[in-house]
């Protein structure tokens, strides 16, 4: 899957996301789920902003929202652990700064 970094303000993100939902068949998923949870699919800009502070970088540290965009015409939907009878799992980091 191709990777694209999109650096923009919230207004620019909103315009792009609304275009994708309104003019394409793109489906948008989070890249990584919270520990022990399934990946979330976002079906609107409002759903996305309820989960993430899109376009905000108040500290100037380059905060990011990592998403995966998938087009049904490009391939089959990739599997998740639940799709193949598994359970989502993650290793909690124990590293300390």
N, C-alpha and C. Protein backbone atom coordinates (compact mmCIF):
# COMPACT_ATOMS: atom_id res chain seq x y z
N UNK A 1 0.84 -1.16 0.00
CA UNK A 1 0.00 0.00 0.00
C UNK A 1 0.90 1.24 0.00
N UNK A 2 0.58 2.19 -0.83
CA UNK A 2 1.38 3.41 -0.93
C UNK A 2 1.27 4.24 0.34
N UNK A 3 2.27 5.05 0.60
CA UNK A 3 2.29 5.92 1.76
C UNK A 3 2.35 7.37 1.29
N UNK A 4 1.55 8.22 1.91
CA UNK A 4 1.54 9.64 1.58
C UNK A 4 1.41 10.43 2.86
N UNK A 5 2.35 11.31 3.12
CA UNK A 5 2.27 12.21 4.27
C UNK A 5 1.63 13.50 3.78
N UNK A 6 0.58 13.94 4.47
CA UNK A 6 -0.16 15.13 4.09
C UNK A 6 -0.09 16.13 5.24
N UNK A 7 0.73 17.15 5.08
CA UNK A 7 0.90 18.17 6.10
C UNK A 7 -0.02 19.33 5.77
N UNK A 8 -0.97 19.63 6.66
CA UNK A 8 -1.94 20.65 6.34
C UNK A 8 -2.66 21.13 7.60
N UNK A 9 -3.40 22.20 7.42
CA UNK A 9 -4.23 22.72 8.50
C UNK A 9 -5.51 21.89 8.58
N UNK A 10 -6.27 22.12 9.64
CA UNK A 10 -7.54 21.41 9.80
C UNK A 10 -8.46 21.69 8.61
N UNK A 11 -8.50 22.93 8.14
CA UNK A 11 -9.36 23.29 7.00
C UNK A 11 -8.98 22.50 5.76
N UNK A 12 -7.69 22.35 5.51
CA UNK A 12 -7.23 21.57 4.35
C UNK A 12 -7.57 20.09 4.51
N UNK A 13 -7.36 19.56 5.72
CA UNK A 13 -7.73 18.17 5.97
C UNK A 13 -9.22 17.96 5.74
N UNK A 14 -10.02 18.89 6.24
CA UNK A 14 -11.47 18.76 6.09
C UNK A 14 -11.87 18.75 4.62
N UNK A 15 -11.30 19.66 3.84
CA UNK A 15 -11.63 19.71 2.41
C UNK A 15 -11.26 18.40 1.72
N UNK A 16 -10.09 17.85 2.03
CA UNK A 16 -9.66 16.60 1.41
C UNK A 16 -10.56 15.43 1.82
N UNK A 17 -10.83 15.29 3.11
CA UNK A 17 -11.64 14.18 3.60
C UNK A 17 -13.06 14.27 3.05
N UNK A 18 -13.64 15.46 3.05
CA UNK A 18 -15.00 15.62 2.51
C UNK A 18 -15.03 15.29 1.00
N UNK A 19 -13.97 15.68 0.28
CA UNK A 19 -13.89 15.32 -1.14
C UNK A 19 -13.85 13.79 -1.29
N UNK A 20 -13.00 13.13 -0.51
CA UNK A 20 -12.88 11.67 -0.62
C UNK A 20 -14.21 10.97 -0.34
N UNK A 21 -14.91 11.41 0.71
CA UNK A 21 -16.19 10.79 1.04
C UNK A 21 -17.27 11.13 0.01
N UNK A 22 -17.24 12.34 -0.53
CA UNK A 22 -18.30 12.77 -1.42
C UNK A 22 -18.11 12.43 -2.88
N UNK A 23 -16.86 12.20 -3.29
CA UNK A 23 -16.59 12.05 -4.72
C UNK A 23 -15.89 10.75 -5.10
N UNK A 24 -15.58 9.93 -4.12
CA UNK A 24 -14.88 8.67 -4.42
C UNK A 24 -15.52 7.53 -3.62
N UNK A 25 -15.04 6.34 -3.83
CA UNK A 25 -15.51 5.20 -3.03
C UNK A 25 -14.49 4.82 -1.95
N UNK A 26 -13.57 5.73 -1.65
CA UNK A 26 -12.54 5.48 -0.65
C UNK A 26 -13.16 5.21 0.71
N UNK A 27 -12.61 4.23 1.40
CA UNK A 27 -12.97 3.96 2.80
C UNK A 27 -11.76 4.31 3.65
N UNK A 28 -11.99 4.89 4.81
CA UNK A 28 -10.90 5.38 5.65
C UNK A 28 -10.92 4.65 7.00
N UNK A 29 -9.75 4.09 7.35
CA UNK A 29 -9.57 3.35 8.59
C UNK A 29 -8.41 3.96 9.37
N UNK A 30 -8.41 3.79 10.68
CA UNK A 30 -7.23 4.18 11.45
C UNK A 30 -6.13 3.16 11.14
N UNK A 31 -4.88 3.60 11.18
CA UNK A 31 -3.77 2.70 10.89
C UNK A 31 -3.53 1.70 12.00
N UNK A 32 -3.73 2.13 13.23
CA UNK A 32 -3.47 1.29 14.39
C UNK A 32 -4.62 1.44 15.36
N UNK A 33 -5.08 0.33 15.90
CA UNK A 33 -6.19 0.38 16.86
C UNK A 33 -5.64 0.61 18.27
N UNK A 34 -6.54 1.02 19.14
CA UNK A 34 -6.19 1.08 20.55
C UNK A 34 -5.98 -0.35 21.03
N UNK A 35 -5.19 -0.54 22.04
CA UNK A 35 -4.87 -1.87 22.54
C UNK A 35 -6.14 -2.67 22.84
N UNK A 36 -6.23 -3.87 22.26
CA UNK A 36 -7.35 -4.76 22.50
C UNK A 36 -8.63 -4.42 21.75
N UNK A 37 -8.58 -3.47 20.82
CA UNK A 37 -9.78 -3.05 20.10
C UNK A 37 -9.59 -3.24 18.61
N UNK A 38 -10.71 -3.37 17.91
CA UNK A 38 -10.69 -3.48 16.45
C UNK A 38 -10.34 -2.13 15.82
N UNK A 39 -9.81 -2.17 14.61
CA UNK A 39 -9.60 -0.94 13.86
C UNK A 39 -10.94 -0.25 13.63
N UNK A 40 -10.94 1.06 13.70
CA UNK A 40 -12.16 1.82 13.44
C UNK A 40 -12.17 2.30 11.99
N UNK A 41 -13.34 2.27 11.41
CA UNK A 41 -13.56 2.86 10.09
C UNK A 41 -14.30 4.16 10.30
N UNK A 42 -13.89 5.19 9.58
CA UNK A 42 -14.53 6.50 9.68
C UNK A 42 -15.35 6.72 8.42
N UNK A 43 -16.60 7.12 8.60
CA UNK A 43 -17.50 7.29 7.47
C UNK A 43 -17.85 8.75 7.22
N UNK A 44 -17.27 9.64 8.02
CA UNK A 44 -17.50 11.08 7.83
C UNK A 44 -16.37 11.86 8.50
N UNK A 45 -16.25 13.11 8.11
CA UNK A 45 -15.26 13.98 8.75
C UNK A 45 -15.60 14.14 10.23
N UNK A 46 -16.88 14.18 10.56
CA UNK A 46 -17.30 14.32 11.95
C UNK A 46 -16.88 13.12 12.79
N UNK A 47 -17.01 11.91 12.24
CA UNK A 47 -16.54 10.72 12.97
C UNK A 47 -15.04 10.79 13.20
N UNK A 48 -14.31 11.23 12.20
CA UNK A 48 -12.86 11.32 12.31
C UNK A 48 -12.46 12.33 13.38
N UNK A 49 -13.10 13.50 13.38
CA UNK A 49 -12.74 14.54 14.36
C UNK A 49 -13.24 14.21 15.76
N UNK A 50 -14.20 13.32 15.88
CA UNK A 50 -14.62 12.86 17.21
C UNK A 50 -13.54 11.96 17.83
N UNK A 51 -12.75 11.31 16.97
CA UNK A 51 -11.71 10.40 17.44
C UNK A 51 -10.34 11.07 17.55
N UNK A 52 -10.06 12.03 16.67
CA UNK A 52 -8.74 12.66 16.60
C UNK A 52 -8.87 14.17 16.49
N UNK A 53 -7.88 14.88 16.99
CA UNK A 53 -7.84 16.33 16.86
C UNK A 53 -7.14 16.65 15.53
N UNK A 54 -7.87 16.49 14.45
CA UNK A 54 -7.34 16.61 13.09
C UNK A 54 -6.79 18.02 12.83
N UNK A 55 -5.57 18.07 12.33
CA UNK A 55 -4.97 19.34 11.95
C UNK A 55 -4.38 20.14 13.09
N UNK A 56 -4.45 19.64 14.31
CA UNK A 56 -3.91 20.37 15.46
C UNK A 56 -2.48 19.95 15.73
N UNK A 57 -1.64 20.92 15.96
CA UNK A 57 -0.25 20.67 16.34
C UNK A 57 0.17 21.82 17.25
N UNK A 58 -0.52 21.95 18.36
CA UNK A 58 -0.33 23.09 19.26
C UNK A 58 1.08 23.20 19.79
N UNK A 59 1.75 22.08 20.02
CA UNK A 59 3.09 22.10 20.57
C UNK A 59 4.17 22.19 19.50
N UNK A 60 3.77 22.09 18.24
CA UNK A 60 4.76 22.13 17.16
C UNK A 60 5.62 20.89 17.08
N UNK A 61 5.12 19.78 17.63
CA UNK A 61 5.91 18.55 17.66
C UNK A 61 5.59 17.61 16.50
N UNK A 62 4.77 18.08 15.57
CA UNK A 62 4.46 17.25 14.41
C UNK A 62 3.50 16.13 14.71
N UNK A 63 2.49 16.37 15.54
CA UNK A 63 1.51 15.33 15.84
C UNK A 63 0.82 14.89 14.55
N UNK A 64 0.41 13.65 14.53
CA UNK A 64 -0.14 13.10 13.29
C UNK A 64 -1.34 12.22 13.57
N UNK A 65 -2.20 12.13 12.59
CA UNK A 65 -3.29 11.16 12.57
C UNK A 65 -2.92 10.17 11.48
N UNK A 66 -2.72 8.93 11.85
CA UNK A 66 -2.28 7.92 10.89
C UNK A 66 -3.49 7.14 10.40
N UNK A 67 -3.76 7.26 9.11
CA UNK A 67 -4.94 6.64 8.50
C UNK A 67 -4.54 5.76 7.34
N UNK A 68 -5.42 4.82 7.02
CA UNK A 68 -5.27 3.99 5.84
C UNK A 68 -6.48 4.25 4.95
N UNK A 69 -6.24 4.58 3.70
CA UNK A 69 -7.31 4.79 2.73
C UNK A 69 -7.34 3.58 1.81
N UNK A 70 -8.53 3.03 1.61
CA UNK A 70 -8.67 1.84 0.79
C UNK A 70 -9.79 2.05 -0.21
N UNK A 71 -9.53 1.70 -1.46
CA UNK A 71 -10.53 1.78 -2.52
C UNK A 71 -10.98 0.36 -2.87
N UNK A 72 -12.29 0.10 -2.80
CA UNK A 72 -12.78 -1.25 -3.11
C UNK A 72 -12.37 -1.74 -4.50
N UNK A 73 -12.13 -0.86 -5.44
CA UNK A 73 -11.73 -1.28 -6.78
C UNK A 73 -10.28 -1.69 -6.89
N UNK A 74 -9.49 -1.43 -5.86
CA UNK A 74 -8.06 -1.70 -5.94
C UNK A 74 -7.67 -3.11 -5.51
N UNK A 75 -8.41 -3.68 -4.57
CA UNK A 75 -8.09 -5.00 -4.04
C UNK A 75 -9.19 -5.42 -3.09
N UNK A 76 -9.06 -6.63 -2.56
CA UNK A 76 -9.98 -7.05 -1.51
C UNK A 76 -9.61 -6.33 -0.23
N UNK A 77 -10.60 -6.15 0.64
CA UNK A 77 -10.35 -5.52 1.92
C UNK A 77 -9.38 -6.38 2.71
N UNK A 78 -8.29 -5.80 3.19
CA UNK A 78 -7.34 -6.59 3.99
C UNK A 78 -8.02 -7.18 5.22
N UNK A 79 -7.54 -8.33 5.65
CA UNK A 79 -8.12 -9.02 6.80
C UNK A 79 -7.68 -8.40 8.11
N UNK A 80 -8.55 -8.52 9.10
CA UNK A 80 -8.20 -8.19 10.48
C UNK A 80 -8.19 -9.49 11.26
N UNK A 81 -7.60 -9.52 12.45
CA UNK A 81 -7.59 -10.77 13.22
C UNK A 81 -8.98 -11.38 13.39
N UNK A 82 -9.99 -10.54 13.63
CA UNK A 82 -11.35 -11.06 13.83
C UNK A 82 -11.89 -11.73 12.57
N UNK A 83 -11.48 -11.25 11.39
CA UNK A 83 -11.95 -11.82 10.13
C UNK A 83 -11.50 -13.27 9.96
N UNK A 84 -10.41 -13.63 10.58
CA UNK A 84 -9.86 -14.98 10.41
C UNK A 84 -9.91 -15.79 11.70
N UNK A 85 -10.82 -15.39 12.60
CA UNK A 85 -11.03 -16.15 13.82
C UNK A 85 -10.05 -15.85 14.94
N UNK A 86 -9.27 -14.81 14.80
CA UNK A 86 -8.30 -14.46 15.83
C UNK A 86 -8.83 -13.39 16.77
N UNK A 87 -7.98 -12.96 17.66
CA UNK A 87 -8.32 -11.91 18.61
C UNK A 87 -7.30 -10.80 18.46
N UNK A 88 -7.76 -9.53 18.40
CA UNK A 88 -6.80 -8.43 18.32
C UNK A 88 -5.88 -8.48 19.54
N UNK A 89 -4.61 -8.24 19.33
CA UNK A 89 -3.69 -8.21 20.45
C UNK A 89 -2.57 -7.22 20.17
N UNK A 90 -1.99 -6.77 21.23
CA UNK A 90 -0.87 -5.84 21.11
C UNK A 90 0.02 -6.04 22.31
N UNK A 91 1.27 -5.73 22.15
CA UNK A 91 2.21 -5.79 23.26
C UNK A 91 2.32 -4.40 23.84
N UNK A 92 2.04 -4.29 25.11
CA UNK A 92 2.16 -3.00 25.79
C UNK A 92 3.66 -2.69 25.96
N UNK A 93 4.00 -1.46 25.67
CA UNK A 93 5.39 -1.04 25.84
C UNK A 93 5.68 -0.81 27.32
N UNK A 94 6.82 -1.31 27.75
CA UNK A 94 7.23 -1.09 29.13
C UNK A 94 8.44 -0.19 29.19
N UNK A 95 8.83 0.36 28.03
CA UNK A 95 9.99 1.23 27.97
C UNK A 95 9.73 2.51 28.75
N UNK A 96 10.74 3.01 29.38
CA UNK A 96 10.62 4.27 30.13
C UNK A 96 11.64 5.25 29.60
N UNK A 97 11.21 6.47 29.52
CA UNK A 97 12.10 7.53 29.00
C UNK A 97 13.11 7.91 30.05
